[in-house]
C-alpha atoms as a PDB file:
ATOM      1  CA  MET A   1     -25.743 -24.398 -26.912  1.00  0.00           C
ATOM      2  CA  ASP A   2     -26.655 -25.704 -23.472  1.00  0.00           C
ATOM      3  CA  MET A   3     -28.040 -22.736 -21.531  1.00  0.00           C
ATOM      4  CA  GLN A   4     -27.639 -24.540 -18.184  1.00  0.00           C
ATOM      5  CA  ALA A   5     -23.936 -25.121 -18.857  1.00  0.00           C
ATOM      6  CA  ILE A   6     -23.488 -21.476 -19.823  1.00  0.00           C
ATOM      7  CA  LEU A   7     -25.180 -20.325 -16.610  1.00  0.00           C
ATOM      8  CA  GLN A   8     -23.017 -22.671 -14.529  1.00  0.00           C
ATOM      9  CA  GLN A   9     -19.894 -21.370 -16.211  1.00  0.00           C
ATOM     10  CA  ALA A  10     -20.999 -17.784 -15.571  1.00  0.00           C
ATOM     11  CA  GLN A  11     -21.580 -18.560 -11.881  1.00  0.00           C
ATOM     12  CA  GLN A  12     -18.147 -20.153 -11.580  1.00  0.00           C
ATOM     13  CA  MET A  13     -16.510 -17.158 -13.213  1.00  0.00           C
ATOM     14  CA  GLN A  14     -18.411 -14.814 -10.893  1.00  0.00           C
ATOM     15  CA  GLN A  15     -17.135 -16.769  -7.885  1.00  0.00           C
ATOM     16  CA  GLN A  16     -13.595 -16.637  -9.264  1.00  0.00           C
ATOM     17  CA  LEU A  17     -13.927 -12.898  -9.803  1.00  0.00           C
ATOM     18  CA  LEU A  18     -15.167 -12.324  -6.245  1.00  0.00           C
ATOM     19  CA  ALA A  19     -12.319 -14.471  -4.873  1.00  0.00           C
ATOM     20  CA  ALA A  20      -9.758 -12.506  -6.901  1.00  0.00           C
ATOM     21  CA  GLN A  21     -11.224  -9.199  -5.697  1.00  0.00           C
ATOM     22  CA  GLN A  22     -11.114 -10.418  -2.089  1.00  0.00           C
ATOM     23  CA  GLU A  23      -7.490 -11.449  -2.527  1.00  0.00           C
ATOM     24  CA  LEU A  24      -6.665  -8.009  -3.935  1.00  0.00           C
ATOM     25  CA  ASP A  25      -8.403  -6.365  -0.956  1.00  0.00           C
ATOM     26  CA  GLU A  26      -6.254  -8.373   1.445  1.00  0.00           C
ATOM     27  CA  THR A  27      -2.949  -7.954  -0.423  1.00  0.00           C
ATOM     28  CA  LYS A  28      -0.623  -5.089   0.443  1.00  0.00           C
ATOM     29  CA  VAL A  29       2.116  -3.810  -1.876  1.00  0.00           C
ATOM     30  CA  THR A  30       4.948  -1.504  -0.836  1.00  0.00           C
ATOM     31  CA  GLY A  31       6.669   1.008  -3.081  1.00  0.00           C
ATOM     32  CA  THR A  32       9.821   2.868  -2.111  1.00  0.00           C
ATOM     33  CA  SER A  33      11.819   5.913  -3.154  1.00  0.00           C
ATOM     34  CA  GLY A  34      14.962   7.720  -2.130  1.00  0.00           C
ATOM     35  CA  GLY A  35      16.834   4.482  -1.595  1.00  0.00           C
ATOM     36  CA  GLY A  36      14.251   3.368   0.938  1.00  0.00           C
ATOM     37  CA  LEU A  37      13.896   6.681   2.794  1.00  0.00           C
ATOM     38  CA  VAL A  38      10.187   6.735   1.968  1.00  0.00           C
ATOM     39  CA  SER A  39       7.823   3.827   1.540  1.00  0.00           C
ATOM     40  CA  ALA A  40       4.155   3.724   0.595  1.00  0.00           C
ATOM     41  CA  THR A  41       1.954   0.719   1.285  1.00  0.00           C
ATOM     42  CA  VAL A  42      -1.013   0.309  -1.032  1.00  0.00           C
ATOM     43  CA  SER A  43      -3.809  -2.262  -1.067  1.00  0.00           C
ATOM     44  CA  GLY A  44      -4.160  -4.539  -4.065  1.00  0.00           C
ATOM     45  CA  ARG A  45      -7.081  -2.350  -5.140  1.00  0.00           C
ATOM     46  CA  GLY A  46      -4.905   0.786  -5.158  1.00  0.00           C
ATOM     47  CA  GLN A  47      -5.818   2.433  -1.848  1.00  0.00           C
ATOM     48  CA  VAL A  48      -2.882   3.992   0.044  1.00  0.00           C
ATOM     49  CA  VAL A  49      -2.908   2.486   3.533  1.00  0.00           C
ATOM     50  CA  ASP A  50       0.414   3.669   4.996  1.00  0.00           C
ATOM     51  CA  ILE A  51       3.292   6.082   4.389  1.00  0.00           C
ATOM     52  CA  SER A  52       6.622   5.728   6.162  1.00  0.00           C
ATOM     53  CA  ILE A  53       9.327   8.406   6.148  1.00  0.00           C
ATOM     54  CA  ASP A  54      12.792   7.738   7.555  1.00  0.00           C
ATOM     55  CA  VAL A  55      14.078  10.543   9.796  1.00  0.00           C
ATOM     56  CA  LYS A  56      17.180  10.706   7.550  1.00  0.00           C
ATOM     57  CA  ALA A  57      14.959  12.257   4.860  1.00  0.00           C
ATOM     58  CA  VAL A  58      14.639  15.423   6.967  1.00  0.00           C
ATOM     59  CA  ASP A  59      17.367  18.048   6.607  1.00  0.00           C
ATOM     60  CA  THR A  60      17.014  20.211   9.710  1.00  0.00           C
ATOM     61  CA  ASP A  61      19.355  22.817   8.214  1.00  0.00           C
ATOM     62  CA  ASP A  62      16.993  23.507   5.300  1.00  0.00           C
ATOM     63  CA  LEU A  63      13.450  22.611   6.298  1.00  0.00           C
ATOM     64  CA  ALA A  64      11.783  24.330   3.336  1.00  0.00           C
ATOM     65  CA  ASP A  65      13.813  22.314   0.831  1.00  0.00           C
ATOM     66  CA  SER A  66      13.448  19.201   2.967  1.00  0.00           C
ATOM     67  CA  VAL A  67       9.645  19.441   2.924  1.00  0.00           C
ATOM     68  CA  GLN A  68       9.586  19.625  -0.881  1.00  0.00           C
ATOM     69  CA  THR A  69      12.036  16.735  -1.174  1.00  0.00           C
ATOM     70  CA  ILE A  70       9.900  14.607   1.153  1.00  0.00           C
ATOM     71  CA  ALA A  71       6.767  15.444  -0.842  1.00  0.00           C
ATOM     72  CA  ASP A  72       8.536  14.379  -4.045  1.00  0.00           C
ATOM     73  CA  LEU A  73       9.744  11.158  -2.397  1.00  0.00           C
ATOM     74  CA  VAL A  74       6.229  10.355  -1.137  1.00  0.00           C
ATOM     75  CA  LEU A  75       4.791  10.797  -4.633  1.00  0.00           C
ATOM     76  CA  ALA A  76       7.535   8.629  -6.117  1.00  0.00           C
ATOM     77  CA  ALA A  77       6.929   5.886  -3.534  1.00  0.00           C
ATOM     78  CA  ILE A  78       3.178   5.918  -4.227  1.00  0.00           C
ATOM     79  CA  ARG A  79       3.795   5.707  -7.972  1.00  0.00           C
ATOM     80  CA  ASP A  80       6.197   2.815  -7.406  1.00  0.00           C
ATOM     81  CA  ALA A  81       3.546   0.987  -5.383  1.00  0.00           C
ATOM     82  CA  GLU A  82       0.884   1.748  -8.007  1.00  0.00           C
ATOM     83  CA  ARG A  83       3.041   0.104 -10.695  1.00  0.00           C
ATOM     84  CA  GLU A  84       3.256  -3.007  -8.531  1.00  0.00           C
ATOM     85  CA  VAL A  85      -0.507  -2.945  -7.939  1.00  0.00           C
ATOM     86  CA  GLU A  86      -1.122  -2.782 -11.697  1.00  0.00           C
ATOM     87  CA  LYS A  87       1.051  -5.870 -12.170  1.00  0.00           C
ATOM     88  CA  LEU A  88      -0.760  -7.659  -9.352  1.00  0.00           C
ATOM     89  CA  GLN A  89      -4.192  -6.744 -10.707  1.00  0.00           C
ATOM     90  CA  GLN A  90      -3.242  -7.971 -14.167  1.00  0.00           C
ATOM     91  CA  GLU A  91      -1.940 -11.202 -12.666  1.00  0.00           C
ATOM     92  CA  LYS A  92      -5.140 -11.816 -10.677  1.00  0.00           C
ATOM     93  CA  MET A  93      -7.814 -10.365 -12.935  1.00  0.00           C
ATOM     94  CA  GLY A  94      -6.298 -10.761 -16.412  1.00  0.00           C
ATOM     95  CA  PRO A  95      -6.993 -14.494 -16.731  1.00  0.00           C
ATOM     96  CA  LEU A  96     -10.611 -13.905 -15.690  1.00  0.00           C
ATOM     97  CA  ALA A  97     -11.099 -11.269 -18.387  1.00  0.00           C
ATOM     98  CA  GLU A  98      -9.578 -13.621 -20.957  1.00  0.00           C
ATOM     99  CA  GLY A  99     -11.916 -16.382 -19.769  1.00  0.00           C
ATOM    100  CA  LEU A 100     -14.837 -14.074 -20.466  1.00  0.00           C
ATOM    101  CA  GLY A 101     -13.532 -13.433 -23.963  1.00  0.00           C
ATOM    102  CA  GLY A 102     -12.122 -10.117 -22.822  1.00  0.00           C
ATOM    103  CA  GLY A 103      -8.586  -8.924 -23.029  1.00  0.00           C
ATOM    104  CA  PRO A 104      -7.450  -6.318 -25.552  1.00  0.00           C
ATOM    105  CA  GLY A 105     -10.537  -6.693 -27.745  1.00  0.00           C
ATOM    106  CA  GLY A 106     -13.081  -6.689 -24.921  1.00  0.00           C
ATOM    107  CA  LEU A 107     -16.040  -9.010 -24.684  1.00  0.00           C
ATOM    108  CA  PRO A 108     -17.422 -10.104 -28.036  1.00  0.00           C
ATOM    109  CA  GLY A 109     -20.764  -8.461 -28.708  1.00  0.00           C
ATOM    110  CA  LEU A 110     -20.500  -6.208 -25.640  1.00  0.00           C
ATOM    111  CA  PRO A 111     -18.906  -2.878 -26.581  1.00  0.00           C
ATOM    112  CA  GLY A 112     -16.966  -1.278 -23.757  1.00  0.00           C
ATOM    113  CA  PHE A 113     -16.320  -4.558 -21.950  1.00  0.00           C
END
C-alpha cells in the first residue's frame, strides 16, 4: 500500500464531502400540503427556513377548527419537505459514503461508521 496515495485520496474525499455539504446548505426544498394551501421550505440540511399559508386555508366561520387544520397542514408540508431532503442528501452524500467503503455495512474496520 502506498501511504501517500491513501492520504491524497482521503484529502480528495474530504474536499468532496465539504463541497457536498456546502451544496446542501445552499439548496432549498419545498414541501406542500392541502393541495398547495401550505408550503414549507427546508434547507438541504433539514432546517425549516420558511412557511407559507394561503389565506384560503383559514375558515373565518370556525377559527378553532381552522387553527387545528392549519397546524396539521403545516406539519404535513414539513414532512413532505423532509422526505425530499432525505432524497437529496442520499443523492449528494450517498456516493461519498460508498467511496469510503460505507453504505449499508458501514466502514470496514470502523464500527458505527
